[in-house]
Amino acid sequence: MDSEEFREHCLSKKSATEDMPFGEHTLVFRVGGKIFALLSLESIPARANLKCDPERALSLRDQHDEITPGYHMNKRHWNTLEFGALPSSFVAELIDHSYELVAPKGKPKKSNAR
């Protein structure tokens, strides 16, 4: 997967937006105002940060040299992926996982407070 395919997949998610709050070299993808992916626009090979379940994050790092603790992020909840050797379908699945972790989960529960 290249940077443009990564961007297209992120923006294909329901209500996903992009912005550049950290400067012109980092593209940020959000849903419901929460970040689910960051894409470096200057790294070669391309790199991105994705949110991940903490236990799965550790497992992925053990299995893939291209997946490391999240650069400039909470290392427990974020991974950095270096594109290239990772199959596009696998990167897409990791984007989906990250999105699902932060996407709004339906209607908020009604409060019984009076």
PDB file of N, CA and C in Angstrom:
ATOM      1  N   MET A   1       0.854  -1.178   0.000  1.00  0.00           N
ATOM      2  CA  MET A   1       0.000   0.000   0.000  1.00  0.00           C
ATOM      3  C   MET A   1       0.893   1.233   0.000  1.00  0.00           C
ATOM      4  N   ASP A   2       0.543   2.200  -0.826  1.00  0.00           N
ATOM      5  CA  ASP A   2       1.299   3.446  -0.815  1.00  0.00           C
ATOM      6  C   ASP A   2       0.498   4.504  -0.041  1.00  0.00           C
ATOM      7  N   SER A   3       1.071   5.688   0.086  1.00  0.00           N
ATOM      8  CA  SER A   3       0.448   6.750   0.886  1.00  0.00           C
ATOM      9  C   SER A   3      -0.929   7.145   0.366  1.00  0.00           C
ATOM     10  N   GLU A   4      -1.083   7.209  -0.955  1.00  0.00           N
ATOM     11  CA  GLU A   4      -2.376   7.600  -1.523  1.00  0.00           C
ATOM     12  C   GLU A   4      -3.440   6.534  -1.266  1.00  0.00           C
ATOM     13  N   GLU A   5      -3.075   5.270  -1.388  1.00  0.00           N
ATOM     14  CA  GLU A   5      -4.026   4.192  -1.085  1.00  0.00           C
ATOM     15  C   GLU A   5      -4.404   4.217   0.399  1.00  0.00           C
ATOM     16  N   PHE A   6      -3.429   4.475   1.259  1.00  0.00           N
ATOM     17  CA  PHE A   6      -3.684   4.581   2.695  1.00  0.00           C
ATOM     18  C   PHE A   6      -4.704   5.702   2.944  1.00  0.00           C
ATOM     19  N   ARG A   7      -4.455   6.862   2.348  1.00  0.00           N
ATOM     20  CA  ARG A   7      -5.354   8.016   2.510  1.00  0.00           C
ATOM     21  C   ARG A   7      -6.757   7.680   2.013  1.00  0.00           C
ATOM     22  N   GLU A   8      -6.851   7.098   0.845  1.00  0.00           N
ATOM     23  CA  GLU A   8      -8.161   6.750   0.273  1.00  0.00           C
ATOM     24  C   GLU A   8      -8.916   5.778   1.168  1.00  0.00           C
ATOM     25  N   HIS A   9      -8.208   4.795   1.727  1.00  0.00           N
ATOM     26  CA  HIS A   9      -8.886   3.830   2.593  1.00  0.00           C
ATOM     27  C   HIS A   9      -9.376   4.513   3.870  1.00  0.00           C
ATOM     28  N   CYS A  10      -8.556   5.363   4.451  1.00  0.00           N
ATOM     29  CA  CYS A  10      -8.988   6.084   5.660  1.00  0.00           C
ATOM     30  C   CYS A  10     -10.227   6.932   5.380  1.00  0.00           C
ATOM     31  N   LEU A  11     -10.218   7.650   4.269  1.00  0.00           N
ATOM     32  CA  LEU A  11     -11.344   8.532   3.944  1.00  0.00           C
ATOM     33  C   LEU A  11     -12.582   7.773   3.487  1.00  0.00           C
ATOM     34  N   SER A  12     -12.439   6.486   3.182  1.00  0.00           N
ATOM     35  CA  SER A  12     -13.608   5.683   2.797  1.00  0.00           C
ATOM     36  C   SER A  12     -14.441   5.284   4.014  1.00  0.00           C
ATOM     37  N   LYS A  13     -13.886   5.465   5.202  1.00  0.00           N
ATOM     38  CA  LYS A  13     -14.597   5.108   6.433  1.00  0.00           C
ATOM     39  C   LYS A  13     -15.691   6.144   6.701  1.00  0.00           C
ATOM     40  N   LYS A  14     -16.800   5.701   7.246  1.00  0.00           N
ATOM     41  CA  LYS A  14     -17.950   6.572   7.514  1.00  0.00           C
ATOM     42  C   LYS A  14     -17.548   7.744   8.412  1.00  0.00           C
ATOM     43  N   SER A  15     -17.866   8.954   7.969  1.00  0.00           N
ATOM     44  CA  SER A  15     -17.647  10.207   8.704  1.00  0.00           C
ATOM     45  C   SER A  15     -16.178  10.537   8.953  1.00  0.00           C
ATOM     46  N   ALA A  16     -15.269   9.895   8.228  1.00  0.00           N
ATOM     47  CA  ALA A  16     -13.842  10.188   8.395  1.00  0.00           C
ATOM     48  C   ALA A  16     -13.502  11.542   7.785  1.00  0.00           C
ATOM     49  N   THR A  17     -12.626  12.272   8.458  1.00  0.00           N
ATOM     50  CA  THR A  17     -12.139  13.558   7.972  1.00  0.00           C
ATOM     51  C   THR A  17     -10.614  13.553   8.027  1.00  0.00           C
ATOM     52  N   GLU A  18     -10.011  14.523   7.356  1.00  0.00           N
ATOM     53  CA  GLU A  18      -8.561  14.670   7.405  1.00  0.00           C
ATOM     54  C   GLU A  18      -8.224  16.130   7.661  1.00  0.00           C
ATOM     55  N   ASP A  19      -7.110  16.341   8.355  1.00  0.00           N
ATOM     56  CA  ASP A  19      -6.596  17.682   8.558  1.00  0.00           C
ATOM     57  C   ASP A  19      -5.096  17.590   8.840  1.00  0.00           C
ATOM     58  N   MET A  20      -4.474  18.747   9.065  1.00  0.00           N
ATOM     59  CA  MET A  20      -3.030  18.786   9.270  1.00  0.00           C
ATOM     60  C   MET A  20      -2.687  19.660  10.479  1.00  0.00           C
ATOM     61  N   PRO A  21      -3.148  19.271  11.674  1.00  0.00           N
ATOM     62  CA  PRO A  21      -2.915  20.120  12.855  1.00  0.00           C
ATOM     63  C   PRO A  21      -1.466  20.143  13.332  1.00  0.00           C
ATOM     64  N   PHE A  22      -0.645  19.207  12.890  1.00  0.00           N
ATOM     65  CA  PHE A  22       0.738  19.109  13.347  1.00  0.00           C
ATOM     66  C   PHE A  22       1.736  19.606  12.303  1.00  0.00           C
ATOM     67  N   GLY A  23       1.248  20.291  11.289  1.00  0.00           N
ATOM     68  CA  GLY A  23       2.123  20.814  10.253  1.00  0.00           C
ATOM     69  C   GLY A  23       1.903  20.131   8.915  1.00  0.00           C
ATOM     70  N   GLU A  24       2.605  20.629   7.917  1.00  0.00           N
ATOM     71  CA  GLU A  24       2.376  20.199   6.536  1.00  0.00           C
ATOM     72  C   GLU A  24       2.914  18.814   6.200  1.00  0.00           C
ATOM     73  N   HIS A  25       3.591  18.159   7.133  1.00  0.00           N
ATOM     74  CA  HIS A  25       4.189  16.851   6.840  1.00  0.00           C
ATOM     75  C   HIS A  25       3.438  15.673   7.460  1.00  0.00           C
ATOM     76  N   THR A  26       2.343  15.963   8.177  1.00  0.00           N
ATOM     77  CA  THR A  26       1.586  14.881   8.821  1.00  0.00           C
ATOM     78  C   THR A  26       0.100  15.055   8.559  1.00  0.00           C
ATOM     79  N   LEU A  27      -0.476  14.080   7.886  1.00  0.00           N
ATOM     80  CA  LEU A  27      -1.901  14.065   7.601  1.00  0.00           C
ATOM     81  C   LEU A  27      -2.592  13.266   8.705  1.00  0.00           C
ATOM     82  N   VAL A  28      -3.629  13.862   9.305  1.00  0.00           N
ATOM     83  CA  VAL A  28      -4.336  13.248  10.435  1.00  0.00           C
ATOM     84  C   VAL A  28      -5.749  12.880  10.002  1.00  0.00           C
ATOM     85  N   PHE A  29      -6.160  11.659  10.342  1.00  0.00           N
ATOM     86  CA  PHE A  29      -7.508  11.176  10.015  1.00  0.00           C
ATOM     87  C   PHE A  29      -8.284  11.013  11.309  1.00  0.00           C
ATOM     88  N   ARG A  30      -9.523  11.517  11.297  1.00  0.00           N
ATOM     89  CA  ARG A  30     -10.360  11.497  12.497  1.00  0.00           C
ATOM     90  C   ARG A  30     -11.759  10.962  12.175  1.00  0.00           C
ATOM     91  N   VAL A  31     -12.395  10.500  13.239  1.00  0.00           N
ATOM     92  CA  VAL A  31     -13.819  10.189  13.187  1.00  0.00           C
ATOM     93  C   VAL A  31     -14.398  10.680  14.502  1.00  0.00           C
ATOM     94  N   GLY A  32     -15.493  11.422  14.428  1.00  0.00           N
ATOM     95  CA  GLY A  32     -16.073  11.976  15.643  1.00  0.00           C
ATOM     96  C   GLY A  32     -15.093  12.855  16.409  1.00  0.00           C
ATOM     97  N   GLY A  33     -14.162  13.485  15.703  1.00  0.00           N
ATOM     98  CA  GLY A  33     -13.176  14.350  16.332  1.00  0.00           C
ATOM     99  C   GLY A  33     -11.985  13.629  16.933  1.00  0.00           C
ATOM    100  N   LYS A  34     -12.013  12.298  16.946  1.00  0.00           N
ATOM    101  CA  LYS A  34     -10.925  11.506  17.529  1.00  0.00           C
ATOM    102  C   LYS A  34     -10.009  10.969  16.437  1.00  0.00           C
ATOM    103  N   ILE A  35      -8.714  11.019  16.690  1.00  0.00           N
ATOM    104  CA  ILE A  35      -7.724  10.554  15.721  1.00  0.00           C
ATOM    105  C   ILE A  35      -7.699   9.031  15.670  1.00  0.00           C
ATOM    106  N   PHE A  36      -7.727   8.487  14.442  1.00  0.00           N
ATOM    107  CA  PHE A  36      -7.549   7.043  14.288  1.00  0.00           C
ATOM    108  C   PHE A  36      -6.341   6.699  13.415  1.00  0.00           C
ATOM    109  N   ALA A  37      -5.767   7.684  12.722  1.00  0.00           N
ATOM    110  CA  ALA A  37      -4.583   7.421  11.906  1.00  0.00           C
ATOM    111  C   ALA A  37      -3.820   8.715  11.648  1.00  0.00           C
ATOM    112  N   LEU A  38      -2.504   8.573  11.559  1.00  0.00           N
ATOM    113  CA  LEU A  38      -1.628   9.671  11.168  1.00  0.00           C
ATOM    114  C   LEU A  38      -0.709   9.153  10.079  1.00  0.00           C
ATOM    115  N   LEU A  39      -0.525   9.935   9.033  1.00  0.00           N
ATOM    116  CA  LEU A  39       0.297   9.533   7.898  1.00  0.00           C
ATOM    117  C   LEU A  39       1.406  10.550   7.696  1.00  0.00           C
ATOM    118  N   SER A  40       2.646  10.095   7.748  1.00  0.00           N
ATOM    119  CA  SER A  40       3.784  10.964   7.468  1.00  0.00           C
ATOM    120  C   SER A  40       3.878  11.159   5.961  1.00  0.00           C
ATOM    121  N   LEU A  41       3.948  12.401   5.528  1.00  0.00           N
ATOM    122  CA  LEU A  41       4.006  12.697   4.097  1.00  0.00           C
ATOM    123  C   LEU A  41       5.433  12.837   3.595  1.00  0.00           C
ATOM    124  N   GLU A  42       6.412  12.761   4.502  1.00  0.00           N
ATOM    125  CA  GLU A  42       7.799  12.921   4.076  1.00  0.00           C
ATOM    126  C   GLU A  42       8.663  11.683   4.285  1.00  0.00           C
ATOM    127  N   SER A  43       8.160  10.681   4.967  1.00  0.00           N
ATOM    128  CA  SER A  43       8.948   9.473   5.238  1.00  0.00           C
ATOM    129  C   SER A  43       9.072   8.596   4.001  1.00  0.00           C
ATOM    130  N   ILE A  44      10.279   8.086   3.788  1.00  0.00           N
ATOM    131  CA  ILE A  44      10.524   7.102   2.727  1.00  0.00           C
ATOM    132  C   ILE A  44      11.298   5.964   3.369  1.00  0.00           C
ATOM    133  N   PRO A  45      10.748   4.745   3.429  1.00  0.00           N
ATOM    134  CA  PRO A  45       9.406   4.380   2.957  1.00  0.00           C
ATOM    135  C   PRO A  45       8.324   5.036   3.816  1.00  0.00           C
ATOM    136  N   ALA A  46       7.113   5.041   3.274  1.00  0.00           N
ATOM    137  CA  ALA A  46       5.987   5.677   3.952  1.00  0.00           C
ATOM    138  C   ALA A  46       5.745   5.040   5.315  1.00  0.00           C
ATOM    139  N   ARG A  47       5.314   5.871   6.257  1.00  0.00           N
ATOM    140  CA  ARG A  47       5.001   5.410   7.616  1.00  0.00           C
ATOM    141  C   ARG A  47       3.691   6.025   8.075  1.00  0.00           C
ATOM    142  N   ALA A  48       3.000   5.272   8.937  1.00  0.00           N
ATOM    143  CA  ALA A  48       1.748   5.761   9.501  1.00  0.00           C
ATOM    144  C   ALA A  48       1.603   5.236  10.925  1.00  0.00           C
ATOM    145  N   ASN A  49       0.876   5.972  11.741  1.00  0.00           N
ATOM    146  CA  ASN A  49       0.525   5.531  13.090  1.00  0.00           C
ATOM    147  C   ASN A  49      -0.941   5.134  13.096  1.00  0.00           C
ATOM    148  N   LEU A  50      -1.219   3.987  13.726  1.00  0.00           N
ATOM    149  CA  LEU A  50      -2.591   3.508  13.861  1.00  0.00           C
ATOM    150  C   LEU A  50      -2.848   3.100  15.295  1.00  0.00           C
ATOM    151  N   LYS A  51      -4.038   3.404  15.772  1.00  0.00           N
ATOM    152  CA  LYS A  51      -4.450   2.961  17.105  1.00  0.00           C
ATOM    153  C   LYS A  51      -4.642   1.451  17.070  1.00  0.00           C
ATOM    154  N   CYS A  52      -4.404   0.798  18.211  1.00  0.00           N
ATOM    155  CA  CYS A  52      -4.501  -0.659  18.250  1.00  0.00           C
ATOM    156  C   CYS A  52      -4.825  -1.116  19.663  1.00  0.00           C
ATOM    157  N   ASP A  53      -5.590  -2.186  19.768  1.00  0.00           N
ATOM    158  CA  ASP A  53      -5.824  -2.825  21.051  1.00  0.00           C
ATOM    159  C   ASP A  53      -4.459  -3.143  21.662  1.00  0.00           C
ATOM    160  N   PRO A  54      -4.218  -2.808  22.944  1.00  0.00           N
ATOM    161  CA  PRO A  54      -2.893  -2.988  23.540  1.00  0.00           C
ATOM    162  C   PRO A  54      -2.301  -4.395  23.424  1.00  0.00           C
ATOM    163  N   GLU A  55      -3.082  -5.427  23.652  1.00  0.00           N
ATOM    164  CA  GLU A  55      -2.553  -6.788  23.545  1.00  0.00           C
ATOM    165  C   GLU A  55      -2.219  -7.135  22.097  1.00  0.00           C
ATOM    166  N   ARG A  56      -3.074  -6.720  21.192  1.00  0.00           N
ATOM    167  CA  ARG A  56      -2.819  -6.977  19.773  1.00  0.00           C
ATOM    168  C   ARG A  56      -1.604  -6.176  19.305  1.00  0.00           C
ATOM    169  N   ALA A  57      -1.447  -4.967  19.823  1.00  0.00           N
ATOM    170  CA  ALA A  57      -0.302  -4.133  19.442  1.00  0.00           C
ATOM    171  C   ALA A  57       1.004  -4.861  19.737  1.00  0.00           C
ATOM    172  N   LEU A  58       1.099  -5.440  20.909  1.00  0.00           N
ATOM    173  CA  LEU A  58       2.317  -6.177  21.281  1.00  0.00           C
ATOM    174  C   LEU A  58       2.526  -7.381  20.375  1.00  0.00           C
ATOM    175  N   SER A  59       1.480  -8.112  20.096  1.00  0.00           N
ATOM    176  CA  SER A  59       1.560  -9.281  19.237  1.00  0.00           C
ATOM    177  C   SER A  59       2.025  -8.905  17.825  1.00  0.00           C
ATOM    178  N   LEU A  60       1.467  -7.826  17.282  1.00  0.00           N
ATOM    179  CA  LEU A  60       1.843  -7.385  15.943  1.00  0.00           C
ATOM    180  C   LEU A  60       3.318  -6.988  15.884  1.00  0.00           C
ATOM    181  N   ARG A  61       3.794  -6.323  16.937  1.00  0.00           N
ATOM    182  CA  ARG A  61       5.198  -5.913  16.981  1.00  0.00           C
ATOM    183  C   ARG A  61       6.124  -7.125  17.028  1.00  0.00           C
ATOM    184  N   ASP A  62       5.692  -8.173  17.725  1.00  0.00           N
ATOM    185  CA  ASP A  62       6.484  -9.400  17.800  1.00  0.00           C
ATOM    186  C   ASP A  62       6.531 -10.125  16.448  1.00  0.00           C
ATOM    187  N   GLN A  63       5.451 -10.040  15.687  1.00  0.00           N
ATOM    188  CA  GLN A  63       5.330 -10.788  14.434  1.00  0.00           C
ATOM    189  C   GLN A  63       5.903 -10.064  13.208  1.00  0.00           C
ATOM    190  N   HIS A  64       5.998  -8.721  13.268  1.00  0.00           N
ATOM    191  CA  HIS A  64       6.376  -7.938  12.083  1.00  0.00           C
ATOM    192  C   HIS A  64       7.429  -6.899  12.433  1.00  0.00           C
ATOM    193  N   ASP A  65       8.571  -6.985  11.801  1.00  0.00           N
ATOM    194  CA  ASP A  65       9.631  -5.997  12.011  1.00  0.00           C
ATOM    195  C   ASP A  65       9.196  -4.596  11.584  1.00  0.00           C
ATOM    196  N   GLU A  66       8.233  -4.510  10.662  1.00  0.00           N
ATOM    197  CA  GLU A  66       7.765  -3.225  10.139  1.00  0.00           C
ATOM    198  C   GLU A  66       6.775  -2.527  11.067  1.00  0.00           C
ATOM    199  N   ILE A  67       6.416  -3.165  12.166  1.00  0.00           N
ATOM    200  CA  ILE A  67       5.476  -2.574  13.117  1.00  0.00           C
ATOM    201  C   ILE A  67       6.215  -2.352  14.431  1.00  0.00           C
ATOM    202  N   THR A  68       6.245  -1.076  14.859  1.00  0.00           N
ATOM    203  CA  THR A  68       6.965  -0.674  16.061  1.00  0.00           C
ATOM    204  C   THR A  68       6.046   0.151  16.960  1.00  0.00           C
ATOM    205  N   PRO A  69       6.447   0.394  18.215  1.00  0.00           N
ATOM    206  CA  PRO A  69       5.630   1.254  19.081  1.00  0.00           C
ATOM    207  C   PRO A  69       5.397   2.621  18.426  1.00  0.00           C
ATOM    208  N   GLY A  70       4.211   3.173  18.644  1.00  0.00           N
ATOM    209  CA  GLY A  70       3.816   4.424  17.997  1.00  0.00           C
ATOM    210  C   GLY A  70       4.776   5.569  18.225  1.00  0.00           C
ATOM    211  N   TYR A  71       5.286   6.129  17.135  1.00  0.00           N
ATOM    212  CA  TYR A  71       6.205   7.254  17.184  1.00  0.00           C
ATOM    213  C   TYR A  71       5.466   8.499  17.669  1.00  0.00           C
ATOM    214  N   HIS A  72       5.947   9.110  18.744  1.00  0.00           N
ATOM    215  CA  HIS A  72       5.345  10.305  19.358  1.00  0.00           C
ATOM    216  C   HIS A  72       3.913  10.069  19.832  1.00  0.00           C
ATOM    217  N   MET A  73       3.577   8.817  20.145  1.00  0.00           N
ATOM    218  CA  MET A  73       2.221   8.483  20.595  1.00  0.00           C
ATOM    219  C   MET A  73       2.318   7.636  21.853  1.00  0.00           C
ATOM    220  N   ASN A  74       1.176   7.364  22.474  1.00  0.00           N
ATOM    221  CA  ASN A  74       1.131   6.452  23.616  1.00  0.00           C
ATOM    222  C   ASN A  74       1.479   5.062  23.092  1.00  0.00           C
ATOM    223  N   LYS A  75       2.624   4.558  23.512  1.00  0.00           N
ATOM    224  CA  LYS A  75       3.160   3.291  22.973  1.00  0.00           C
ATOM    225  C   LYS A  75       2.261   2.090  23.286  1.00  0.00           C
ATOM    226  N   ARG A  76       1.439   2.208  24.302  1.00  0.00           N
ATOM    227  CA  ARG A  76       0.534   1.112  24.659  1.00  0.00           C
ATOM    228  C   ARG A  76      -0.603   0.972  23.645  1.00  0.00           C
ATOM    229  N   HIS A  77      -1.053   2.079  23.107  1.00  0.00           N
ATOM    230  CA  HIS A  77      -2.254   2.090  22.258  1.00  0.00           C
ATOM    231  C   HIS A  77      -2.001   2.381  20.784  1.00  0.00           C
ATOM    232  N   TRP A  78      -0.763   2.675  20.406  1.00  0.00           N
ATOM    233  CA  TRP A  78      -0.477   3.061  19.027  1.00  0.00           C
ATOM    234  C   TRP A  78       0.715   2.293  18.475  1.00  0.00           C
ATOM    235  N   ASN A  79       0.636   1.961  17.201  1.00  0.00           N
ATOM    236  CA  ASN A  79       1.733   1.337  16.468  1.00  0.00           C
ATOM    237  C   ASN A  79       2.118   2.222  15.293  1.00  0.00           C
ATOM    238  N   THR A  80       3.391   2.174  14.919  1.00  0.00           N
ATOM    239  CA  THR A  80       3.854   2.787  13.685  1.00  0.00           C
ATOM    240  C   THR A  80       4.107   1.670  12.685  1.00  0.00           C
ATOM    241  N   LEU A  81       3.551   1.839  11.491  1.00  0.00           N
ATOM    242  CA  LEU A  81       3.732   0.865  10.413  1.00  0.00           C
ATOM    243  C   LEU A  81       4.642   1.468   9.357  1.00  0.00           C
ATOM    244  N   GLU A  82       5.596   0.685   8.898  1.00  0.00           N
ATOM    245  CA  GLU A  82       6.419   1.079   7.767  1.00  0.00           C
ATOM    246  C   GLU A  82       5.911   0.288   6.570  1.00  0.00           C
ATOM    247  N   PHE A  83       5.400   1.001   5.590  1.00  0.00           N
ATOM    248  CA  PHE A  83       4.830   0.336   4.417  1.00  0.00           C
ATOM    249  C   PHE A  83       5.928  -0.368   3.639  1.00  0.00           C
ATOM    250  N   GLY A  84       5.534  -1.173   2.717  1.00  0.00           N
ATOM    251  CA  GLY A  84       6.504  -1.855   1.858  1.00  0.00           C
ATOM    252  C   GLY A  84       6.272  -3.344   1.914  1.00  0.00           C
ATOM    253  N   ALA A  85       6.818  -3.994   2.933  1.00  0.00           N
ATOM    254  CA  ALA A  85       6.715  -5.449   3.036  1.00  0.00           C
ATOM    255  C   ALA A  85       5.334  -5.902   3.520  1.00  0.00           C
ATOM    256  N   LEU A  86       4.584  -5.012   4.160  1.00  0.00           N
ATOM    257  CA  LEU A  86       3.260  -5.395   4.663  1.00  0.00           C
ATOM    258  C   LEU A  86       2.254  -5.410   3.513  1.00  0.00           C
ATOM    259  N   PRO A  87       1.502  -6.495   3.364  1.00  0.00           N
ATOM    260  CA  PRO A  87       0.489  -6.563   2.296  1.00  0.00           C
ATOM    261  C   PRO A  87      -0.573  -5.472   2.449  1.00  0.00           C
ATOM    262  N   SER A  88      -1.025  -4.927   1.343  1.00  0.00           N
ATOM    263  CA  SER A  88      -2.038  -3.867   1.357  1.00  0.00           C
ATOM    264  C   SER A  88      -3.296  -4.282   2.104  1.00  0.00           C
ATOM    265  N   SER A  89      -3.727  -5.524   1.921  1.00  0.00           N
ATOM    266  CA  SER A  89      -4.942  -5.998   2.591  1.00  0.00           C
ATOM    267  C   SER A  89      -4.755  -6.020   4.113  1.00  0.00           C
ATOM    268  N   PHE A  90      -3.555  -6.323   4.569  1.00  0.00           N
ATOM    269  CA  PHE A  90      -3.251  -6.339   6.003  1.00  0.00           C
ATOM    270  C   PHE A  90      -3.251  -4.912   6.557  1.00  0.00           C
ATOM    271  N   VAL A  91      -2.644  -3.977   5.836  1.00  0.00           N
ATOM    272  CA  VAL A  91      -2.652  -2.572   6.270  1.00  0.00           C
ATOM    273  C   VAL A  91      -4.086  -2.056   6.317  1.00  0.00           C
ATOM    274  N   ALA A  92      -4.893  -2.395   5.328  1.00  0.00           N
ATOM    275  CA  ALA A  92      -6.300  -1.981   5.313  1.00  0.00           C
ATOM    276  C   ALA A  92      -7.043  -2.533   6.523  1.00  0.00           C
ATOM    277  N   GLU A  93      -6.765  -3.775   6.890  1.00  0.00           N
ATOM    278  CA  GLU A  93      -7.410  -4.381   8.061  1.00  0.00           C
ATOM    279  C   GLU A  93      -6.982  -3.654   9.336  1.00  0.00           C
ATOM    280  N   LEU A  94      -5.728  -3.234   9.411  1.00  0.00           N
ATOM    281  CA  LEU A  94      -5.250  -2.496  10.588  1.00  0.00           C
ATOM    282  C   LEU A  94      -5.868  -1.095  10.656  1.00  0.00           C
ATOM    283  N   ILE A  95      -6.082  -0.473   9.503  1.00  0.00           N
ATOM    284  CA  ILE A  95      -6.790   0.816   9.467  1.00  0.00           C
ATOM    285  C   ILE A  95      -8.211   0.621   9.988  1.00  0.00           C
ATOM    286  N   ASP A  96      -8.881  -0.423   9.510  1.00  0.00           N
ATOM    287  CA  ASP A  96     -10.255  -0.711   9.945  1.00  0.00           C
ATOM    288  C   ASP A  96     -10.315  -0.918  11.458  1.00  0.00           C
ATOM    289  N   HIS A  97      -9.350  -1.658  12.004  1.00  0.00           N
ATOM    290  CA  HIS A  97      -9.294  -1.917  13.452  1.00  0.00           C
ATOM    291  C   HIS A  97      -9.130  -0.598  14.212  1.00  0.00           C
ATOM    292  N   SER A  98      -8.237   0.246  13.754  1.00  0.00           N
ATOM    293  CA  SER A  98      -8.006   1.536  14.399  1.00  0.00           C
ATOM    294  C   SER A  98      -9.273   2.391  14.372  1.00  0.00           C
ATOM    295  N   TYR A  99      -9.905   2.440  13.222  1.00  0.00           N
ATOM    296  CA  TYR A  99     -11.147   3.207  13.068  1.00  0.00           C
ATOM    297  C   TYR A  99     -12.215   2.708  14.035  1.00  0.00           C
ATOM    298  N   GLU A 100     -12.393   1.401  14.102  1.00  0.00           N
ATOM    299  CA  GLU A 100     -13.417   0.816  14.977  1.00  0.00           C
ATOM    300  C   GLU A 100     -13.167   1.132  16.450  1.00  0.00           C
ATOM    301  N   LEU A 101     -11.909   1.261  16.841  1.00  0.00           N
ATOM    302  CA  LEU A 101     -11.595   1.573  18.240  1.00  0.00           C
ATOM    303  C   LEU A 101     -12.042   2.968  18.644  1.00  0.00           C
ATOM    304  N   VAL A 102     -12.084   3.909  17.709  1.00  0.00           N
ATOM    305  CA  VAL A 102     -12.425   5.289  18.065  1.00  0.00           C
ATOM    306  C   VAL A 102     -13.760   5.774  17.518  1.00  0.00           C
ATOM    307  N   ALA A 103     -14.354   5.045  16.575  1.00  0.00           N
ATOM    308  CA  ALA A 103     -15.624   5.469  15.974  1.00  0.00           C
ATOM    309  C   ALA A 103     -16.733   5.491  17.017  1.00  0.00           C
ATOM    310  N   PRO A 104     -17.627   6.484  16.919  1.00  0.00           N
ATOM    311  CA  PRO A 104     -18.775   6.520  17.829  1.00  0.00           C
ATOM    312  C   PRO A 104     -19.567   5.222  17.756  1.00  0.00           C
ATOM    313  N   LYS A 105     -20.037   4.762  18.893  1.00  0.00           N
ATOM    314  CA  LYS A 105     -20.723   3.466  18.981  1.00  0.00           C
ATOM    315  C   LYS A 105     -22.242   3.631  19.089  1.00  0.00           C
ATOM    316  N   GLY A 106     -22.860   4.270  18.130  1.00  0.00           N
ATOM    317  CA  GLY A 106     -24.314   4.393  18.142  1.00  0.00           C
ATOM    318  C   GLY A 106     -24.782   5.519  19.040  1.00  0.00           C
ATOM    319  N   LYS A 107     -26.045   5.470  19.402  1.00  0.00           N
ATOM    320  CA  LYS A 107     -26.652   6.531  20.214  1.00  0.00           C
ATOM    321  C   LYS A 107     -26.174   6.443  21.651  1.00  0.00           C
ATOM    322  N   PRO A 108     -25.952   7.600  22.298  1.00  0.00           N
ATOM    323  CA  PRO A 108     -25.602   7.561  23.717  1.00  0.00           C
ATOM    324  C   PRO A 108     -26.784   7.054  24.532  1.00  0.00           C
ATOM    325  N   LYS A 109     -26.503   6.415  25.657  1.00  0.00           N
ATOM    326  CA  LYS A 109     -27.567   5.908  26.513  1.00  0.00           C
ATOM    327  C   LYS A 109     -28.303   7.060  27.182  1.00  0.00           C
ATOM    328  N   LYS A 110     -29.603   6.880  27.332  1.00  0.00           N
ATOM    329  CA  LYS A 110     -30.433   7.905  27.936  1.00  0.00           C
ATOM    330  C   LYS A 110     -30.155   7.952  29.434  1.00  0.00           C
ATOM    331  N   SER A 111     -29.992   9.138  29.956  1.00  0.00           N
ATOM    332  CA  SER A 111     -29.723   9.324  31.386  1.00  0.00           C
ATOM    333  C   SER A 111     -31.020   9.271  32.176  1.00  0.00           C
ATOM    334  N   ASN A 112     -30.970   8.656  33.335  1.00  0.00           N
ATOM    335  CA  ASN A 112     -32.141   8.593  34.208  1.00  0.00           C
ATOM    336  C   ASN A 112     -32.100   9.684  35.281  1.00  0.00           C
ATOM    337  N   ALA A 113     -31.119  10.570  35.207  1.00  0.00           N
ATOM    338  CA  ALA A 113     -30.994  11.657  36.205  1.00  0.00           C
ATOM    339  C   ALA A 113     -32.189  12.610  36.079  1.00  0.00           C
ATOM    340  N   ARG A 114     -32.635  13.119  37.222  1.00  0.00           N
ATOM    341  CA  ARG A 114     -33.769  14.046  37.221  1.00  0.00           C
ATOM    342  C   ARG A 114     -33.382  15.346  37.838  1.00  0.00           C
TER     343      ARG A 114
END
